[in-house]
Amino acid sequence: MKFDKKSLLLYAVTDRSWLGSETLGNAVEKAIKGGATFVQLREKELENEKFLKEAKEIKELCKKHNVPFVINDNVDIAIAVDADGVHVGQNDMEAGSVRKLIGKDKILGVSVQTVEQAVLAEKRGADYLGVGAVFPTGSKADADYVSIDSLKEICEAVSIPVVAIGGISKHNVMKLSGTGICGIAVISAIFAQPDIMKATAELRELIEKMVNT
């Protein structure tokens, strides 16, 4: 899939811990129908065989709706299912090594917290950056905090698109206006909501307003 920064507008990161009896596939489909423009499959606990099966299912779902699909951290699974790309953090495989493994046509996202990390990630082949946590978050206990000023500096330091992540909800998303980001990545603001489709649609409306102000 050809990468377009507009697809980063509302980036949904999965988290099965919020779903109760609902399947992840159902939840992802509701998010896409509500307006999610990008999907990252994030599984830290799932054994390989189950992860592979799930990745294939979510990939087909995203393909049906023409939404880019990347896998968090697990390069082997991403290659095995021919995902659109991979997203890695600072403690995962180094971006340049990932780029060599996935090839030049796949999407590579990298999580960064500083200008130095951002510049290096771009140099090593990242297509976009995830920056955060911009607000306190319960979804990632180990998330480092990144101030709004630092977010702005990172956006100015690189030429690739930047999405903000971490504790973003419909109540605080407008505080990111004017930072230079092209979208937001959220977990609980979508998947922890009782009505996933409605929550996604409300966020989509706000983020469109925010990136244009």
N, C-alpha and C. Protein backbone atom coordinates (compact mmCIF):
# COMPACT_ATOMS: atom_id res chain seq x y z
N MET A 1 0.84 -1.21 0.00
CA MET A 1 0.00 0.00 0.00
C MET A 1 0.87 1.25 0.00
N LYS A 2 0.53 2.20 -0.86
CA LYS A 2 1.31 3.44 -0.94
C LYS A 2 1.04 4.28 0.31
N PHE A 3 2.12 4.76 0.91
CA PHE A 3 1.98 5.51 2.16
C PHE A 3 1.65 6.97 1.88
N ASP A 4 0.63 7.46 2.55
CA ASP A 4 0.21 8.85 2.41
C ASP A 4 0.03 9.41 3.82
N LYS A 5 0.63 10.55 4.09
CA LYS A 5 0.57 11.05 5.47
C LYS A 5 -0.86 11.34 5.93
N LYS A 6 -1.78 11.54 4.98
CA LYS A 6 -3.17 11.79 5.37
C LYS A 6 -3.77 10.57 6.08
N SER A 7 -3.20 9.40 5.79
CA SER A 7 -3.72 8.18 6.44
C SER A 7 -3.38 8.13 7.93
N LEU A 8 -2.51 9.03 8.39
CA LEU A 8 -2.12 9.04 9.80
C LEU A 8 -3.05 9.89 10.66
N LEU A 9 -4.08 10.45 10.07
CA LEU A 9 -4.97 11.38 10.78
C LEU A 9 -5.50 10.80 12.09
N LEU A 10 -6.11 9.63 12.02
CA LEU A 10 -6.62 8.99 13.23
C LEU A 10 -6.14 7.54 13.25
N TYR A 11 -5.10 7.34 14.03
CA TYR A 11 -4.32 6.10 14.04
C TYR A 11 -4.75 5.27 15.25
N ALA A 12 -5.39 4.13 15.00
CA ALA A 12 -5.90 3.29 16.08
C ALA A 12 -4.89 2.20 16.44
N VAL A 13 -4.52 2.15 17.71
CA VAL A 13 -3.59 1.13 18.22
C VAL A 13 -4.41 0.14 19.05
N THR A 14 -4.36 -1.13 18.69
CA THR A 14 -5.23 -2.10 19.37
C THR A 14 -4.77 -2.43 20.78
N ASP A 15 -5.75 -2.80 21.61
CA ASP A 15 -5.45 -3.29 22.96
C ASP A 15 -6.62 -4.16 23.39
N ARG A 16 -6.39 -5.47 23.38
CA ARG A 16 -7.48 -6.41 23.66
C ARG A 16 -7.96 -6.34 25.11
N SER A 17 -7.17 -5.75 26.01
CA SER A 17 -7.54 -5.75 27.43
C SER A 17 -8.82 -4.97 27.71
N TRP A 18 -9.21 -4.09 26.79
CA TRP A 18 -10.42 -3.29 27.00
C TRP A 18 -11.68 -3.95 26.45
N LEU A 19 -11.54 -5.05 25.73
CA LEU A 19 -12.65 -5.49 24.87
C LEU A 19 -13.70 -6.39 25.50
N GLY A 20 -13.45 -6.97 26.64
CA GLY A 20 -14.45 -7.85 27.24
C GLY A 20 -14.71 -9.04 26.32
N SER A 21 -15.99 -9.27 26.00
CA SER A 21 -16.34 -10.44 25.19
C SER A 21 -16.26 -10.17 23.69
N GLU A 22 -16.02 -8.93 23.31
CA GLU A 22 -15.98 -8.60 21.89
C GLU A 22 -14.68 -9.09 21.24
N THR A 23 -14.75 -9.52 19.98
CA THR A 23 -13.52 -9.93 19.30
C THR A 23 -12.76 -8.70 18.83
N LEU A 24 -11.45 -8.86 18.70
CA LEU A 24 -10.63 -7.74 18.24
C LEU A 24 -11.03 -7.34 16.82
N GLY A 25 -11.32 -8.33 15.99
CA GLY A 25 -11.73 -8.03 14.61
C GLY A 25 -12.95 -7.14 14.56
N ASN A 26 -13.96 -7.45 15.38
CA ASN A 26 -15.18 -6.63 15.44
C ASN A 26 -14.87 -5.21 15.87
N ALA A 27 -14.04 -5.10 16.91
CA ALA A 27 -13.69 -3.78 17.45
C ALA A 27 -12.94 -2.95 16.41
N VAL A 28 -12.00 -3.57 15.71
CA VAL A 28 -11.24 -2.86 14.68
C VAL A 28 -12.16 -2.41 13.55
N GLU A 29 -13.07 -3.28 13.15
CA GLU A 29 -13.99 -2.91 12.06
C GLU A 29 -14.86 -1.72 12.47
N LYS A 30 -15.32 -1.71 13.71
CA LYS A 30 -16.13 -0.57 14.21
C LYS A 30 -15.30 0.72 14.19
N ALA A 31 -14.04 0.60 14.60
CA ALA A 31 -13.16 1.78 14.60
C ALA A 31 -12.97 2.32 13.18
N ILE A 32 -12.75 1.42 12.23
CA ILE A 32 -12.56 1.84 10.84
C ILE A 32 -13.84 2.50 10.30
N LYS A 33 -14.98 1.88 10.59
CA LYS A 33 -16.26 2.45 10.13
C LYS A 33 -16.53 3.80 10.78
N GLY A 34 -16.02 3.98 11.99
CA GLY A 34 -16.19 5.26 12.68
C GLY A 34 -15.25 6.35 12.18
N GLY A 35 -14.20 5.94 11.43
CA GLY A 35 -13.31 6.96 10.86
C GLY A 35 -11.83 6.78 11.14
N ALA A 36 -11.41 5.65 11.73
CA ALA A 36 -9.97 5.40 11.91
C ALA A 36 -9.33 5.26 10.53
N THR A 37 -8.17 5.87 10.36
CA THR A 37 -7.52 5.91 9.04
C THR A 37 -6.28 5.03 8.95
N PHE A 38 -5.89 4.41 10.07
CA PHE A 38 -4.64 3.64 10.14
C PHE A 38 -4.79 2.69 11.32
N VAL A 39 -4.30 1.47 11.19
CA VAL A 39 -4.43 0.50 12.30
C VAL A 39 -3.07 -0.13 12.61
N GLN A 40 -2.74 -0.12 13.91
CA GLN A 40 -1.55 -0.83 14.38
C GLN A 40 -1.99 -1.96 15.30
N LEU A 41 -1.55 -3.18 14.98
CA LEU A 41 -1.85 -4.33 15.83
C LEU A 41 -0.74 -4.43 16.88
N ARG A 42 -1.14 -4.27 18.14
CA ARG A 42 -0.17 -4.29 19.24
C ARG A 42 -0.51 -5.45 20.16
N GLU A 43 0.36 -6.44 20.20
CA GLU A 43 0.16 -7.62 21.04
C GLU A 43 1.46 -7.93 21.77
N LYS A 44 1.46 -7.71 23.07
CA LYS A 44 2.68 -7.97 23.83
C LYS A 44 2.67 -9.35 24.49
N GLU A 45 1.49 -9.92 24.67
CA GLU A 45 1.37 -11.16 25.44
C GLU A 45 1.03 -12.39 24.61
N LEU A 46 0.53 -12.21 23.41
CA LEU A 46 -0.01 -13.34 22.63
C LEU A 46 1.08 -14.26 22.09
N GLU A 47 0.85 -15.58 22.19
CA GLU A 47 1.83 -16.52 21.64
C GLU A 47 1.82 -16.43 20.11
N ASN A 48 2.95 -16.80 19.52
CA ASN A 48 3.18 -16.58 18.09
C ASN A 48 2.09 -17.09 17.15
N GLU A 49 1.64 -18.32 17.39
CA GLU A 49 0.65 -18.92 16.50
C GLU A 49 -0.66 -18.12 16.48
N LYS A 50 -1.11 -17.73 17.69
CA LYS A 50 -2.35 -16.94 17.80
C LYS A 50 -2.16 -15.55 17.21
N PHE A 51 -1.00 -14.98 17.47
CA PHE A 51 -0.67 -13.65 16.93
C PHE A 51 -0.71 -13.69 15.40
N LEU A 52 -0.13 -14.70 14.82
CA LEU A 52 -0.09 -14.85 13.36
C LEU A 52 -1.50 -14.94 12.78
N LYS A 53 -2.34 -15.75 13.39
CA LYS A 53 -3.72 -15.93 12.94
C LYS A 53 -4.49 -14.60 13.02
N GLU A 54 -4.31 -13.92 14.16
CA GLU A 54 -4.99 -12.64 14.37
C GLU A 54 -4.49 -11.58 13.37
N ALA A 55 -3.18 -11.56 13.15
CA ALA A 55 -2.59 -10.59 12.22
C ALA A 55 -3.15 -10.76 10.81
N LYS A 56 -3.31 -12.03 10.39
CA LYS A 56 -3.88 -12.29 9.06
C LYS A 56 -5.31 -11.76 8.97
N GLU A 57 -6.08 -11.99 10.04
CA GLU A 57 -7.48 -11.55 10.06
C GLU A 57 -7.59 -10.03 9.99
N ILE A 58 -6.81 -9.34 10.83
CA ILE A 58 -6.88 -7.87 10.88
C ILE A 58 -6.34 -7.27 9.57
N LYS A 59 -5.34 -7.92 9.01
CA LYS A 59 -4.79 -7.45 7.73
C LYS A 59 -5.87 -7.47 6.64
N GLU A 60 -6.61 -8.57 6.55
CA GLU A 60 -7.67 -8.69 5.54
C GLU A 60 -8.76 -7.64 5.75
N LEU A 61 -9.08 -7.40 7.00
CA LEU A 61 -10.09 -6.41 7.37
C LEU A 61 -9.66 -5.01 6.91
N CYS A 62 -8.41 -4.67 7.18
CA CYS A 62 -7.88 -3.36 6.80
C CYS A 62 -7.81 -3.23 5.27
N LYS A 63 -7.42 -4.32 4.64
CA LYS A 63 -7.33 -4.33 3.17
C LYS A 63 -8.69 -4.06 2.54
N LYS A 64 -9.72 -4.70 3.12
CA LYS A 64 -11.09 -4.53 2.63
C LYS A 64 -11.52 -3.06 2.68
N HIS A 65 -11.09 -2.37 3.72
CA HIS A 65 -11.47 -0.96 3.91
C HIS A 65 -10.40 0.01 3.40
N ASN A 66 -9.33 -0.54 2.81
CA ASN A 66 -8.25 0.29 2.26
C ASN A 66 -7.57 1.19 3.31
N VAL A 67 -7.33 0.59 4.48
CA VAL A 67 -6.69 1.31 5.59
C VAL A 67 -5.32 0.66 5.84
N PRO A 68 -4.24 1.44 5.92
CA PRO A 68 -2.92 0.85 6.18
C PRO A 68 -2.89 0.08 7.49
N PHE A 69 -2.15 -1.03 7.48
CA PHE A 69 -2.08 -1.93 8.63
C PHE A 69 -0.62 -2.24 8.96
N VAL A 70 -0.21 -1.86 10.17
CA VAL A 70 1.16 -2.17 10.60
C VAL A 70 1.13 -2.98 11.88
N ILE A 71 2.24 -3.66 12.14
CA ILE A 71 2.36 -4.47 13.36
C ILE A 71 3.40 -3.85 14.27
N ASN A 72 3.05 -3.80 15.54
CA ASN A 72 3.96 -3.24 16.53
C ASN A 72 5.06 -4.23 16.87
N ASP A 73 6.31 -3.80 16.68
CA ASP A 73 7.48 -4.50 17.22
C ASP A 73 7.85 -5.83 16.54
N ASN A 74 6.87 -6.67 16.20
CA ASN A 74 7.20 -8.02 15.73
C ASN A 74 7.43 -8.06 14.21
N VAL A 75 8.68 -7.88 13.83
CA VAL A 75 9.05 -7.80 12.41
C VAL A 75 8.78 -9.13 11.70
N ASP A 76 9.05 -10.24 12.38
CA ASP A 76 8.83 -11.57 11.77
C ASP A 76 7.37 -11.78 11.38
N ILE A 77 6.46 -11.43 12.28
CA ILE A 77 5.02 -11.59 11.99
C ILE A 77 4.62 -10.66 10.86
N ALA A 78 5.13 -9.43 10.89
CA ALA A 78 4.79 -8.46 9.83
C ALA A 78 5.20 -8.99 8.46
N ILE A 79 6.38 -9.58 8.39
CA ILE A 79 6.86 -10.14 7.12
C ILE A 79 6.03 -11.38 6.74
N ALA A 80 5.74 -12.21 7.73
CA ALA A 80 4.99 -13.45 7.48
C ALA A 80 3.60 -13.20 6.90
N VAL A 81 2.93 -12.14 7.39
CA VAL A 81 1.56 -11.87 6.90
C VAL A 81 1.54 -10.82 5.79
N ASP A 82 2.73 -10.33 5.43
CA ASP A 82 2.83 -9.28 4.41
C ASP A 82 2.02 -8.04 4.81
N ALA A 83 2.21 -7.62 6.08
CA ALA A 83 1.56 -6.39 6.56
C ALA A 83 2.10 -5.20 5.78
N ASP A 84 1.40 -4.08 5.88
CA ASP A 84 1.85 -2.88 5.17
C ASP A 84 3.11 -2.30 5.79
N GLY A 85 3.40 -2.69 7.03
CA GLY A 85 4.62 -2.19 7.66
C GLY A 85 4.75 -2.59 9.11
N VAL A 86 5.69 -1.93 9.78
CA VAL A 86 6.04 -2.24 11.18
C VAL A 86 6.21 -0.92 11.93
N HIS A 87 5.89 -0.95 13.23
CA HIS A 87 6.18 0.19 14.09
C HIS A 87 7.07 -0.30 15.23
N VAL A 88 8.19 0.40 15.45
CA VAL A 88 9.12 0.00 16.52
C VAL A 88 9.38 1.14 17.49
N GLY A 89 9.67 0.75 18.73
CA GLY A 89 10.03 1.72 19.76
C GLY A 89 11.53 1.81 19.92
N GLN A 90 11.97 2.63 20.85
CA GLN A 90 13.41 2.82 21.08
C GLN A 90 14.07 1.57 21.65
N ASN A 91 13.29 0.70 22.29
CA ASN A 91 13.88 -0.51 22.88
C ASN A 91 13.67 -1.75 22.01
N ASP A 92 13.07 -1.55 20.83
CA ASP A 92 12.87 -2.66 19.90
C ASP A 92 14.03 -2.70 18.91
N MET A 93 13.85 -3.45 17.84
CA MET A 93 14.92 -3.52 16.83
C MET A 93 15.19 -2.14 16.24
N GLU A 94 16.46 -1.86 15.98
CA GLU A 94 16.88 -0.54 15.46
C GLU A 94 16.28 -0.30 14.07
N ALA A 95 15.85 0.94 13.84
CA ALA A 95 15.10 1.29 12.62
C ALA A 95 15.81 0.90 11.32
N GLY A 96 17.11 1.13 11.24
CA GLY A 96 17.86 0.80 10.02
C GLY A 96 17.84 -0.69 9.72
N SER A 97 17.95 -1.49 10.79
CA SER A 97 17.90 -2.96 10.63
C SER A 97 16.52 -3.41 10.18
N VAL A 98 15.48 -2.78 10.74
CA VAL A 98 14.10 -3.11 10.36
C VAL A 98 13.90 -2.79 8.88
N ARG A 99 14.38 -1.62 8.48
CA ARG A 99 14.21 -1.20 7.07
C ARG A 99 14.85 -2.23 6.13
N LYS A 100 16.03 -2.71 6.48
CA LYS A 100 16.70 -3.73 5.64
C LYS A 100 15.86 -4.99 5.52
N LEU A 101 15.23 -5.39 6.62
CA LEU A 101 14.44 -6.63 6.62
C LEU A 101 13.12 -6.49 5.86
N ILE A 102 12.45 -5.35 5.99
CA ILE A 102 11.11 -5.22 5.39
C ILE A 102 11.15 -4.68 3.96
N GLY A 103 12.30 -4.10 3.58
CA GLY A 103 12.41 -3.55 2.22
C GLY A 103 11.94 -2.10 2.15
N LYS A 104 12.24 -1.46 1.03
CA LYS A 104 12.00 -0.02 0.94
C LYS A 104 10.53 0.36 0.73
N ASP A 105 9.70 -0.61 0.30
CA ASP A 105 8.32 -0.28 -0.02
C ASP A 105 7.34 -0.41 1.15
N LYS A 106 7.79 -0.96 2.26
CA LYS A 106 6.91 -1.10 3.42
C LYS A 106 6.97 0.15 4.31
N ILE A 107 5.93 0.34 5.10
CA ILE A 107 5.85 1.50 6.00
C ILE A 107 6.65 1.19 7.28
N LEU A 108 7.47 2.16 7.67
CA LEU A 108 8.22 2.02 8.93
C LEU A 108 7.93 3.20 9.83
N GLY A 109 7.34 2.91 10.99
CA GLY A 109 7.09 3.94 12.00
C GLY A 109 8.00 3.73 13.19
N VAL A 110 8.44 4.83 13.79
CA VAL A 110 9.34 4.73 14.95
C VAL A 110 8.85 5.65 16.07
N SER A 111 8.80 5.13 17.30
CA SER A 111 8.45 5.95 18.47
C SER A 111 9.68 6.71 18.94
N VAL A 112 9.51 8.01 19.16
CA VAL A 112 10.63 8.84 19.64
C VAL A 112 10.15 9.78 20.74
N GLN A 113 11.10 10.23 21.54
CA GLN A 113 10.77 11.20 22.61
C GLN A 113 11.61 12.48 22.53
N THR A 114 12.66 12.46 21.70
CA THR A 114 13.55 13.63 21.63
C THR A 114 13.84 13.99 20.18
N VAL A 115 14.33 15.21 19.99
CA VAL A 115 14.71 15.67 18.65
C VAL A 115 15.82 14.78 18.09
N GLU A 116 16.79 14.40 18.93
CA GLU A 116 17.91 13.56 18.48
C GLU A 116 17.40 12.22 17.95
N GLN A 117 16.51 11.60 18.71
CA GLN A 117 15.94 10.31 18.29
C GLN A 117 15.16 10.47 16.98
N ALA A 118 14.44 11.57 16.87
CA ALA A 118 13.62 11.82 15.68
C ALA A 118 14.48 11.96 14.42
N VAL A 119 15.53 12.76 14.52
CA VAL A 119 16.42 13.00 13.39
C VAL A 119 17.09 11.69 12.96
N LEU A 120 17.53 10.92 13.95
CA LEU A 120 18.18 9.65 13.67
C LEU A 120 17.21 8.66 13.01
N ALA A 121 15.99 8.60 13.51
CA ALA A 121 14.98 7.68 12.95
C ALA A 121 14.70 8.03 11.49
N GLU A 122 14.60 9.32 11.19
CA GLU A 122 14.37 9.74 9.80
C GLU A 122 15.54 9.31 8.92
N LYS A 123 16.75 9.55 9.43
CA LYS A 123 17.96 9.19 8.69
C LYS A 123 18.02 7.69 8.40
N ARG A 124 17.52 6.89 9.34
CA ARG A 124 17.60 5.42 9.22
C ARG A 124 16.42 4.81 8.46
N GLY A 125 15.57 5.66 7.91
CA GLY A 125 14.53 5.12 7.02
C GLY A 125 13.10 5.14 7.51
N ALA A 126 12.83 5.83 8.64
CA ALA A 126 11.45 5.91 9.12
C ALA A 126 10.58 6.71 8.15
N ASP A 127 9.33 6.27 7.99
CA ASP A 127 8.37 7.00 7.15
C ASP A 127 7.55 7.99 7.97
N TYR A 128 7.38 7.67 9.25
CA TYR A 128 6.66 8.57 10.14
C TYR A 128 7.15 8.32 11.56
N LEU A 129 6.84 9.27 12.47
CA LEU A 129 7.24 9.15 13.86
C LEU A 129 6.01 9.19 14.76
N GLY A 130 6.04 8.39 15.83
CA GLY A 130 5.04 8.49 16.89
C GLY A 130 5.72 9.16 18.07
N VAL A 131 5.16 10.26 18.55
CA VAL A 131 5.81 11.02 19.64
C VAL A 131 4.90 11.07 20.86
N GLY A 132 5.46 10.69 22.00
CA GLY A 132 4.66 10.73 23.21
C GLY A 132 5.38 10.02 24.35
N ALA A 133 4.73 10.01 25.51
CA ALA A 133 3.33 10.34 25.75
C ALA A 133 3.16 11.85 25.95
N VAL A 134 2.20 12.42 25.20
CA VAL A 134 1.99 13.87 25.29
C VAL A 134 1.10 14.24 26.48
N PHE A 135 0.32 13.27 26.98
CA PHE A 135 -0.48 13.45 28.20
C PHE A 135 -0.30 12.19 29.04
N PRO A 136 -0.61 12.25 30.34
CA PRO A 136 -0.49 11.03 31.16
C PRO A 136 -1.36 9.92 30.59
N THR A 137 -0.85 8.69 30.60
CA THR A 137 -1.59 7.59 29.99
C THR A 137 -1.58 6.35 30.87
N GLY A 138 -2.70 5.64 30.88
CA GLY A 138 -2.78 4.39 31.62
C GLY A 138 -2.51 3.18 30.72
N SER A 139 -2.45 3.42 29.39
CA SER A 139 -2.30 2.30 28.46
C SER A 139 -0.86 1.78 28.40
N LYS A 140 0.10 2.68 28.69
CA LYS A 140 1.50 2.25 28.66
C LYS A 140 2.18 2.74 29.94
N ALA A 141 2.40 1.81 30.85
CA ALA A 141 2.95 2.17 32.16
C ALA A 141 4.36 2.75 32.05
N ASP A 142 5.10 2.36 31.01
CA ASP A 142 6.51 2.79 30.89
C ASP A 142 6.69 4.01 29.99
N ALA A 143 5.58 4.66 29.61
CA ALA A 143 5.68 5.76 28.65
C ALA A 143 6.38 6.98 29.25
N ASP A 144 7.33 7.54 28.50
CA ASP A 144 7.98 8.78 28.92
C ASP A 144 7.12 9.96 28.49
N TYR A 145 7.14 11.02 29.30
CA TYR A 145 6.34 12.20 28.98
C TYR A 145 7.11 13.11 28.03
N VAL A 146 6.40 13.63 27.02
CA VAL A 146 6.98 14.59 26.07
C VAL A 146 6.13 15.85 26.11
N SER A 147 6.76 16.99 26.39
CA SER A 147 5.98 18.24 26.49
C SER A 147 5.49 18.70 25.12
N ILE A 148 4.49 19.57 25.13
CA ILE A 148 3.95 20.11 23.87
C ILE A 148 5.05 20.87 23.12
N ASP A 149 5.90 21.58 23.87
CA ASP A 149 7.00 22.32 23.24
C ASP A 149 7.98 21.36 22.55
N SER A 150 8.29 20.25 23.22
CA SER A 150 9.20 19.26 22.61
C SER A 150 8.57 18.63 21.37
N LEU A 151 7.26 18.39 21.43
CA LEU A 151 6.53 17.84 20.28
C LEU A 151 6.68 18.77 19.08
N LYS A 152 6.52 20.06 19.34
CA LYS A 152 6.65 21.09 18.29
C LYS A 152 8.06 21.08 17.70
N GLU A 153 9.05 21.00 18.58
CA GLU A 153 10.46 20.99 18.14
C GLU A 153 10.76 19.77 17.26
N ILE A 154 10.19 18.63 17.65
CA ILE A 154 10.40 17.40 16.85
C ILE A 154 9.77 17.57 15.47
N CYS A 155 8.56 18.11 15.43
CA CYS A 155 7.88 18.32 14.13
C CYS A 155 8.70 19.25 13.23
N GLU A 156 9.33 20.25 13.85
CA GLU A 156 10.13 21.21 13.06
C GLU A 156 11.46 20.62 12.61
N ALA A 157 11.96 19.62 13.34
CA ALA A 157 13.30 19.08 13.07
C ALA A 157 13.33 18.02 11.96
N VAL A 158 12.16 17.48 11.62
CA VAL A 158 12.12 16.41 10.61
C VAL A 158 11.20 16.77 9.45
N SER A 159 11.39 16.08 8.33
CA SER A 159 10.52 16.34 7.18
C SER A 159 9.47 15.25 7.00
N ILE A 160 9.55 14.19 7.83
CA ILE A 160 8.54 13.13 7.74
C ILE A 160 7.38 13.45 8.69
N PRO A 161 6.18 12.88 8.45
CA PRO A 161 5.03 13.19 9.31
C PRO A 161 5.17 12.67 10.74
N VAL A 162 4.50 13.38 11.65
CA VAL A 162 4.56 13.05 13.07
C VAL A 162 3.14 12.87 13.61
N VAL A 163 2.93 11.79 14.37
CA VAL A 163 1.67 11.64 15.09
C VAL A 163 1.96 11.69 16.59
N ALA A 164 1.04 12.32 17.32
CA ALA A 164 1.18 12.37 18.78
C ALA A 164 0.45 11.19 19.38
N ILE A 165 0.99 10.66 20.48
CA ILE A 165 0.36 9.52 21.16
C ILE A 165 0.49 9.70 22.67
N GLY A 166 -0.42 9.07 23.40
CA GLY A 166 -0.28 9.05 24.85
C GLY A 166 -1.32 9.89 25.57
N GLY A 167 -2.34 9.23 26.10
CA GLY A 167 -3.34 9.92 26.91
C GLY A 167 -4.23 10.88 26.15
N ILE A 168 -4.27 10.78 24.83
CA ILE A 168 -5.08 11.71 24.04
C ILE A 168 -6.54 11.25 24.05
N SER A 169 -7.44 12.21 24.28
CA SER A 169 -8.88 11.90 24.28
C SER A 169 -9.62 13.07 23.64
N LYS A 170 -10.92 12.93 23.52
CA LYS A 170 -11.70 14.03 22.93
C LYS A 170 -11.65 15.28 23.82
N HIS A 171 -11.29 15.10 25.10
CA HIS A 171 -11.27 16.23 26.02
C HIS A 171 -10.00 17.08 25.92
N ASN A 172 -8.91 16.50 25.39
CA ASN A 172 -7.65 17.28 25.36
C ASN A 172 -7.02 17.40 23.98
N VAL A 173 -7.63 16.78 22.98
CA VAL A 173 -7.00 16.73 21.64
C VAL A 173 -6.76 18.13 21.06
N MET A 174 -7.65 19.08 21.35
CA MET A 174 -7.50 20.41 20.78
C MET A 174 -6.28 21.16 21.35
N LYS A 175 -5.75 20.69 22.47
CA LYS A 175 -4.54 21.31 23.05
C LYS A 175 -3.31 21.08 22.16
N LEU A 176 -3.45 20.15 21.20
CA LEU A 176 -2.32 19.85 20.30
C LEU A 176 -2.33 20.71 19.04
N SER A 177 -3.30 21.63 18.94
CA SER A 177 -3.38 22.53 17.78
C SER A 177 -2.09 23.32 17.62
N GLY A 178 -1.64 23.45 16.38
CA GLY A 178 -0.48 24.28 16.09
C GLY A 178 0.87 23.63 16.37
N THR A 179 0.87 22.35 16.72
CA THR A 179 2.15 21.70 17.02
C THR A 179 2.86 21.22 15.76
N GLY A 180 2.10 21.03 14.68
CA GLY A 180 2.70 20.53 13.44
C GLY A 180 2.45 19.05 13.19
N ILE A 181 1.74 18.39 14.10
CA ILE A 181 1.45 16.96 13.89
C ILE A 181 0.43 16.80 12.76
N CYS A 182 0.43 15.62 12.15
CA CYS A 182 -0.55 15.38 11.09
C CYS A 182 -1.63 14.42 11.55
N GLY A 183 -1.56 13.98 12.82
CA GLY A 183 -2.59 13.09 13.32
C GLY A 183 -2.31 12.67 14.75
N ILE A 184 -3.22 11.85 15.28
CA ILE A 184 -3.04 11.33 16.65
C ILE A 184 -3.17 9.81 16.63
N ALA A 185 -2.46 9.17 17.55
CA ALA A 185 -2.59 7.72 17.73
C ALA A 185 -3.22 7.50 19.10
N VAL A 186 -4.26 6.67 19.13
CA VAL A 186 -4.99 6.45 20.39
C VAL A 186 -5.25 4.97 20.61
N ILE A 187 -5.39 4.62 21.87
CA ILE A 187 -5.73 3.24 22.25
C ILE A 187 -7.07 3.27 22.98
N SER A 188 -7.05 3.70 24.26
CA SER A 188 -8.27 3.63 25.07
C SER A 188 -9.35 4.61 24.61
N ALA A 189 -8.96 5.71 23.97
CA ALA A 189 -9.96 6.68 23.49
C ALA A 189 -10.88 6.06 22.45
N ILE A 190 -10.45 4.93 21.87
CA ILE A 190 -11.30 4.17 20.96
C ILE A 190 -11.73 2.85 21.61
N PHE A 191 -10.76 2.01 21.95
CA PHE A 191 -11.08 0.63 22.31
C PHE A 191 -11.63 0.44 23.72
N ALA A 192 -11.52 1.47 24.58
CA ALA A 192 -12.09 1.35 25.92
C ALA A 192 -13.49 1.96 26.00
N GLN A 193 -13.99 2.46 24.87
CA GLN A 193 -15.29 3.14 24.88
C GLN A 193 -16.45 2.17 24.66
N PRO A 194 -17.59 2.44 25.32
CA PRO A 194 -18.73 1.53 25.17
C PRO A 194 -19.27 1.47 23.74
N ASP A 195 -19.19 2.61 23.02
CA ASP A 195 -19.61 2.63 21.62
C ASP A 195 -18.40 3.03 20.77
N ILE A 196 -17.67 2.03 20.29
CA ILE A 196 -16.41 2.28 19.58
C ILE A 196 -16.60 3.13 18.33
N MET A 197 -17.63 2.83 17.56
CA MET A 197 -17.85 3.56 16.31
C MET A 197 -18.14 5.05 16.58
N LYS A 198 -19.00 5.30 17.55
CA LYS A 198 -19.37 6.68 17.91
C LYS A 198 -18.16 7.44 18.46
N ALA A 199 -17.40 6.78 19.35
CA ALA A 199 -16.22 7.43 19.94
C ALA A 199 -15.21 7.79 18.86
N THR A 200 -15.02 6.88 17.89
CA THR A 200 -14.07 7.12 16.80
C THR A 200 -14.55 8.28 15.93
N ALA A 201 -15.83 8.31 15.63
CA ALA A 201 -16.39 9.38 14.78
C ALA A 201 -16.24 10.75 15.45
N GLU A 202 -16.47 10.80 16.76
CA GLU A 202 -16.32 12.08 17.50
C GLU A 202 -14.86 12.55 17.47
N LEU A 203 -13.94 11.61 17.67
CA LEU A 203 -12.51 11.94 17.65
C LEU A 203 -12.09 12.41 16.26
N ARG A 204 -12.58 11.72 15.24
CA ARG A 204 -12.23 12.04 13.85
C ARG A 204 -12.62 13.49 13.53
N GLU A 205 -13.80 13.88 13.97
CA GLU A 205 -14.27 15.25 13.73
C GLU A 205 -13.34 16.27 14.40
N LEU A 206 -12.97 15.97 15.64
CA LEU A 206 -12.10 16.89 16.40
C LEU A 206 -10.70 16.97 15.80
N ILE A 207 -10.15 15.82 15.41
CA ILE A 207 -8.77 15.82 14.90
C ILE A 207 -8.69 16.54 13.56
N GLU A 208 -9.75 16.42 12.74
CA GLU A 208 -9.76 17.16 11.47
C GLU A 208 -9.73 18.66 11.73
N LYS A 209 -10.48 19.08 12.74
CA LYS A 209 -10.51 20.50 13.12
C LYS A 209 -9.13 20.92 13.64
N MET A 210 -8.55 20.04 14.49
CA MET A 210 -7.28 20.37 15.14
C MET A 210 -6.13 20.52 14.15
N VAL A 211 -6.02 19.61 13.18
CA VAL A 211 -4.89 19.70 12.26
C VAL A 211 -5.04 20.87 11.28
N ASN A 212 -6.23 21.41 11.17
CA ASN A 212 -6.45 22.54 10.26
C ASN A 212 -6.45 23.88 10.98
N THR A 213 -6.12 23.89 12.28
CA THR A 213 -6.08 25.18 13.00
C THR A 213 -4.66 25.51 13.43
